[in-house]
Amino acid sequence: EDALLDALCLAKCEELICVDSNLSIFAALQNPRLRLHALSSILPEGWEEDANHPSEVVHEAYEVVFAPMVFVRKGPSTATELTGARKPGEVVRCTGRGFDGWVELHGGGWMLVDGARGGKQNAAA
């Protein structure tokens, strides 16, 4: 019932930043003029090329030091899909790609390692 009310209210908007969900689809069906923007599109244009040549040092491996865990995401942003987590003491291997405090992991996913951006240190080289 609450989701239906939310969707009806959102259908009155002109723009909607969202993840793929039944709620956003319903709102768009109710208002064909509603412009949907994927939450994952928050990453700036050209970020993938920048990740190939990171401005910050990307180490070969990191040990997770943040408890209880550090989340692994589909892309280098908290706005992207959560794909897993690593626990303290685990060592993760990196591909050498990095973007804005995030590193790409061998086997897939991105992990935030920069303590200054995350408020706490997540991993140590």
C-alpha atoms as a PDB file:
ATOM      1  CA  GLU A   1       0.000   0.000   0.000  1.00  0.00           C
ATOM      2  CA  ASP A   2       2.814   2.457   0.869  1.00  0.00           C
ATOM      3  CA  ALA A   3       4.672   1.586  -2.342  1.00  0.00           C
ATOM      4  CA  LEU A   4       1.557   2.307  -4.387  1.00  0.00           C
ATOM      5  CA  LEU A   5       1.187   5.718  -2.741  1.00  0.00           C
ATOM      6  CA  ASP A   6       4.878   6.427  -3.332  1.00  0.00           C
ATOM      7  CA  ALA A   7       4.578   5.501  -7.002  1.00  0.00           C
ATOM      8  CA  LEU A   8       1.493   7.666  -7.474  1.00  0.00           C
ATOM      9  CA  CYS A   9       3.264  10.635  -5.885  1.00  0.00           C
ATOM     10  CA  LEU A  10       6.428  10.059  -7.948  1.00  0.00           C
ATOM     11  CA  ALA A  11       4.325   9.911 -11.121  1.00  0.00           C
ATOM     12  CA  LYS A  12       3.588  13.626 -10.594  1.00  0.00           C
ATOM     13  CA  CYS A  13       7.298  14.463 -10.991  1.00  0.00           C
ATOM     14  CA  GLU A  14       9.046  15.543 -14.170  1.00  0.00           C
ATOM     15  CA  GLU A  15      12.367  13.794 -13.411  1.00  0.00           C
ATOM     16  CA  LEU A  16      13.103  10.653 -11.399  1.00  0.00           C
ATOM     17  CA  ILE A  17      16.537   9.343 -10.444  1.00  0.00           C
ATOM     18  CA  CYS A  18      16.082   5.679  -9.654  1.00  0.00           C
ATOM     19  CA  VAL A  19      17.262   2.100  -9.783  1.00  0.00           C
ATOM     20  CA  ASP A  20      15.434  -0.461 -11.883  1.00  0.00           C
ATOM     21  CA  SER A  21      12.349  -1.254  -9.852  1.00  0.00           C
ATOM     22  CA  ASN A  22       8.674  -1.963 -10.242  1.00  0.00           C
ATOM     23  CA  LEU A  23       7.968   1.309  -8.452  1.00  0.00           C
ATOM     24  CA  SER A  24       9.822   3.442 -11.018  1.00  0.00           C
ATOM     25  CA  ILE A  25       8.281   1.471 -13.905  1.00  0.00           C
ATOM     26  CA  PHE A  26       4.790   1.999 -12.497  1.00  0.00           C
ATOM     27  CA  ALA A  27       5.451   5.744 -12.029  1.00  0.00           C
ATOM     28  CA  ALA A  28       6.672   6.007 -15.638  1.00  0.00           C
ATOM     29  CA  LEU A  29       3.602   4.158 -16.929  1.00  0.00           C
ATOM     30  CA  GLN A  30       1.365   6.581 -15.031  1.00  0.00           C
ATOM     31  CA  ASN A  31       3.223   9.592 -16.453  1.00  0.00           C
ATOM     32  CA  PRO A  32       4.671   9.073 -19.955  1.00  0.00           C
ATOM     33  CA  ARG A  33       6.382  12.499 -19.705  1.00  0.00           C
ATOM     34  CA  LEU A  34       8.381  11.375 -16.648  1.00  0.00           C
ATOM     35  CA  ARG A  35      12.089  11.284 -17.507  1.00  0.00           C
ATOM     36  CA  LEU A  36      13.900   8.425 -15.766  1.00  0.00           C
ATOM     37  CA  HIS A  37      17.609   8.645 -14.928  1.00  0.00           C
ATOM     38  CA  ALA A  38      19.472   5.556 -13.750  1.00  0.00           C
ATOM     39  CA  LEU A  39      21.139   6.048 -10.391  1.00  0.00           C
ATOM     40  CA  SER A  40      24.257   4.331 -11.738  1.00  0.00           C
ATOM     41  CA  SER A  41      24.605   7.071 -14.354  1.00  0.00           C
ATOM     42  CA  ILE A  42      25.846   9.351 -11.572  1.00  0.00           C
ATOM     43  CA  LEU A  43      29.412   8.479 -12.578  1.00  0.00           C
ATOM     44  CA  PRO A  44      30.867  11.212 -14.775  1.00  0.00           C
ATOM     45  CA  GLU A  45      31.282  10.767 -18.484  1.00  0.00           C
ATOM     46  CA  GLY A  46      34.698   9.327 -19.310  1.00  0.00           C
ATOM     47  CA  TRP A  47      35.202   7.722 -15.895  1.00  0.00           C
ATOM     48  CA  GLU A  48      36.107   4.357 -17.460  1.00  0.00           C
ATOM     49  CA  GLU A  49      38.999   5.849 -19.419  1.00  0.00           C
ATOM     50  CA  ASP A  50      40.132   7.748 -16.305  1.00  0.00           C
ATOM     51  CA  ALA A  51      40.065   4.455 -14.367  1.00  0.00           C
ATOM     52  CA  ASN A  52      42.571   2.996 -16.842  1.00  0.00           C
ATOM     53  CA  HIS A  53      45.028   5.758 -15.892  1.00  0.00           C
ATOM     54  CA  PRO A  54      44.322   6.504 -12.215  1.00  0.00           C
ATOM     55  CA  SER A  55      45.740   9.680 -10.709  1.00  0.00           C
ATOM     56  CA  GLU A  56      46.194   7.879  -7.381  1.00  0.00           C
ATOM     57  CA  VAL A  57      48.420   4.901  -6.665  1.00  0.00           C
ATOM     58  CA  VAL A  58      46.595   1.582  -7.015  1.00  0.00           C
ATOM     59  CA  HIS A  59      48.389  -1.218  -5.196  1.00  0.00           C
ATOM     60  CA  GLU A  60      48.473  -4.821  -6.353  1.00  0.00           C
ATOM     61  CA  ALA A  61      46.680  -5.977  -3.194  1.00  0.00           C
ATOM     62  CA  TYR A  62      44.920  -4.581  -0.128  1.00  0.00           C
ATOM     63  CA  GLU A  63      44.068  -6.048   3.248  1.00  0.00           C
ATOM     64  CA  VAL A  64      40.600  -5.177   4.525  1.00  0.00           C
ATOM     65  CA  VAL A  65      40.926  -3.417   7.891  1.00  0.00           C
ATOM     66  CA  PHE A  66      37.444  -1.942   8.380  1.00  0.00           C
ATOM     67  CA  ALA A  67      35.010  -3.890  10.579  1.00  0.00           C
ATOM     68  CA  PRO A  68      32.554  -5.400  10.189  1.00  0.00           C
ATOM     69  CA  MET A  69      33.117  -5.431   6.387  1.00  0.00           C
ATOM     70  CA  VAL A  70      33.779  -3.433   3.229  1.00  0.00           C
ATOM     71  CA  PHE A  71      31.181  -3.634   0.489  1.00  0.00           C
ATOM     72  CA  VAL A  72      32.034  -4.541  -3.098  1.00  0.00           C
ATOM     73  CA  ARG A  73      30.013  -2.764  -5.754  1.00  0.00           C
ATOM     74  CA  LYS A  74      29.423  -3.116  -9.491  1.00  0.00           C
ATOM     75  CA  GLY A  75      31.082   0.240 -10.172  1.00  0.00           C
ATOM     76  CA  PRO A  76      33.135   2.882  -8.345  1.00  0.00           C
ATOM     77  CA  SER A  77      30.210   4.535  -6.565  1.00  0.00           C
ATOM     78  CA  THR A  78      27.903   3.783  -3.661  1.00  0.00           C
ATOM     79  CA  ALA A  79      25.102   4.397  -6.170  1.00  0.00           C
ATOM     80  CA  THR A  80      25.940   1.177  -8.042  1.00  0.00           C
ATOM     81  CA  GLU A  81      24.678  -2.307  -7.291  1.00  0.00           C
ATOM     82  CA  LEU A  82      26.037  -4.081  -4.214  1.00  0.00           C
ATOM     83  CA  THR A  83      27.676  -7.344  -5.329  1.00  0.00           C
ATOM     84  CA  GLY A  84      29.348  -8.620  -2.166  1.00  0.00           C
ATOM     85  CA  ALA A  85      31.489  -7.811   0.845  1.00  0.00           C
ATOM     86  CA  ARG A  86      34.964  -8.504   2.203  1.00  0.00           C
ATOM     87  CA  LYS A  87      35.711  -9.039   5.896  1.00  0.00           C
ATOM     88  CA  PRO A  88      38.628  -7.751   7.980  1.00  0.00           C
ATOM     89  CA  GLY A  89      41.809  -9.701   7.325  1.00  0.00           C
ATOM     90  CA  GLU A  90      40.847 -10.669   3.779  1.00  0.00           C
ATOM     91  CA  VAL A  91      43.368  -9.721   1.100  1.00  0.00           C
ATOM     92  CA  VAL A  92      41.952  -8.562  -2.214  1.00  0.00           C
ATOM     93  CA  ARG A  93      43.872  -8.427  -5.488  1.00  0.00           C
ATOM     94  CA  CYS A  94      43.409  -5.474  -7.818  1.00  0.00           C
ATOM     95  CA  THR A  95      43.459  -5.064 -11.588  1.00  0.00           C
ATOM     96  CA  GLY A  96      45.396  -1.794 -11.472  1.00  0.00           C
ATOM     97  CA  ARG A  97      42.358   0.295 -12.349  1.00  0.00           C
ATOM     98  CA  GLY A  98      41.192   2.944  -9.905  1.00  0.00           C
ATOM     99  CA  PHE A  99      38.769   5.829  -9.743  1.00  0.00           C
ATOM    100  CA  ASP A 100      38.119   8.431  -7.048  1.00  0.00           C
ATOM    101  CA  GLY A 101      39.317   6.305  -4.127  1.00  0.00           C
ATOM    102  CA  TRP A 102      37.920   3.036  -5.501  1.00  0.00           C
ATOM    103  CA  VAL A 103      39.903   0.095  -6.912  1.00  0.00           C
ATOM    104  CA  GLU A 104      38.745  -2.602  -9.289  1.00  0.00           C
ATOM    105  CA  LEU A 105      39.115  -6.144  -7.925  1.00  0.00           C
ATOM    106  CA  HIS A 106      40.287  -9.212  -9.815  1.00  0.00           C
ATOM    107  CA  GLY A 107      37.209 -11.352 -10.234  1.00  0.00           C
ATOM    108  CA  GLY A 108      34.947  -8.321 -10.589  1.00  0.00           C
ATOM    109  CA  GLY A 109      33.641  -5.458  -8.545  1.00  0.00           C
ATOM    110  CA  TRP A 110      34.964  -2.240  -7.030  1.00  0.00           C
ATOM    111  CA  MET A 111      35.944  -1.520  -3.444  1.00  0.00           C
ATOM    112  CA  LEU A 112      36.415   1.841  -1.744  1.00  0.00           C
ATOM    113  CA  VAL A 113      39.872   1.927  -0.152  1.00  0.00           C
ATOM    114  CA  ASP A 114      40.374   5.634   0.458  1.00  0.00           C
ATOM    115  CA  GLY A 115      39.704   6.373   4.117  1.00  0.00           C
ATOM    116  CA  ALA A 116      39.419  10.119   3.529  1.00  0.00           C
ATOM    117  CA  ARG A 117      36.424   9.611   1.227  1.00  0.00           C
ATOM    118  CA  GLY A 118      34.764   6.870   3.245  1.00  0.00           C
ATOM    119  CA  GLY A 119      35.250   8.535   6.625  1.00  0.00           C
ATOM    120  CA  LYS A 120      37.318   5.580   7.852  1.00  0.00           C
ATOM    121  CA  GLN A 121      40.125   3.509   6.454  1.00  0.00           C
ATOM    122  CA  ASN A 122      38.642   0.531   4.637  1.00  0.00           C
ATOM    123  CA  ALA A 123      41.752  -1.251   3.447  1.00  0.00           C
ATOM    124  CA  ALA A 124      45.526  -1.020   3.730  1.00  0.00           C
ATOM    125  CA  ALA A 125      48.054  -1.651   0.993  1.00  0.00           C
END
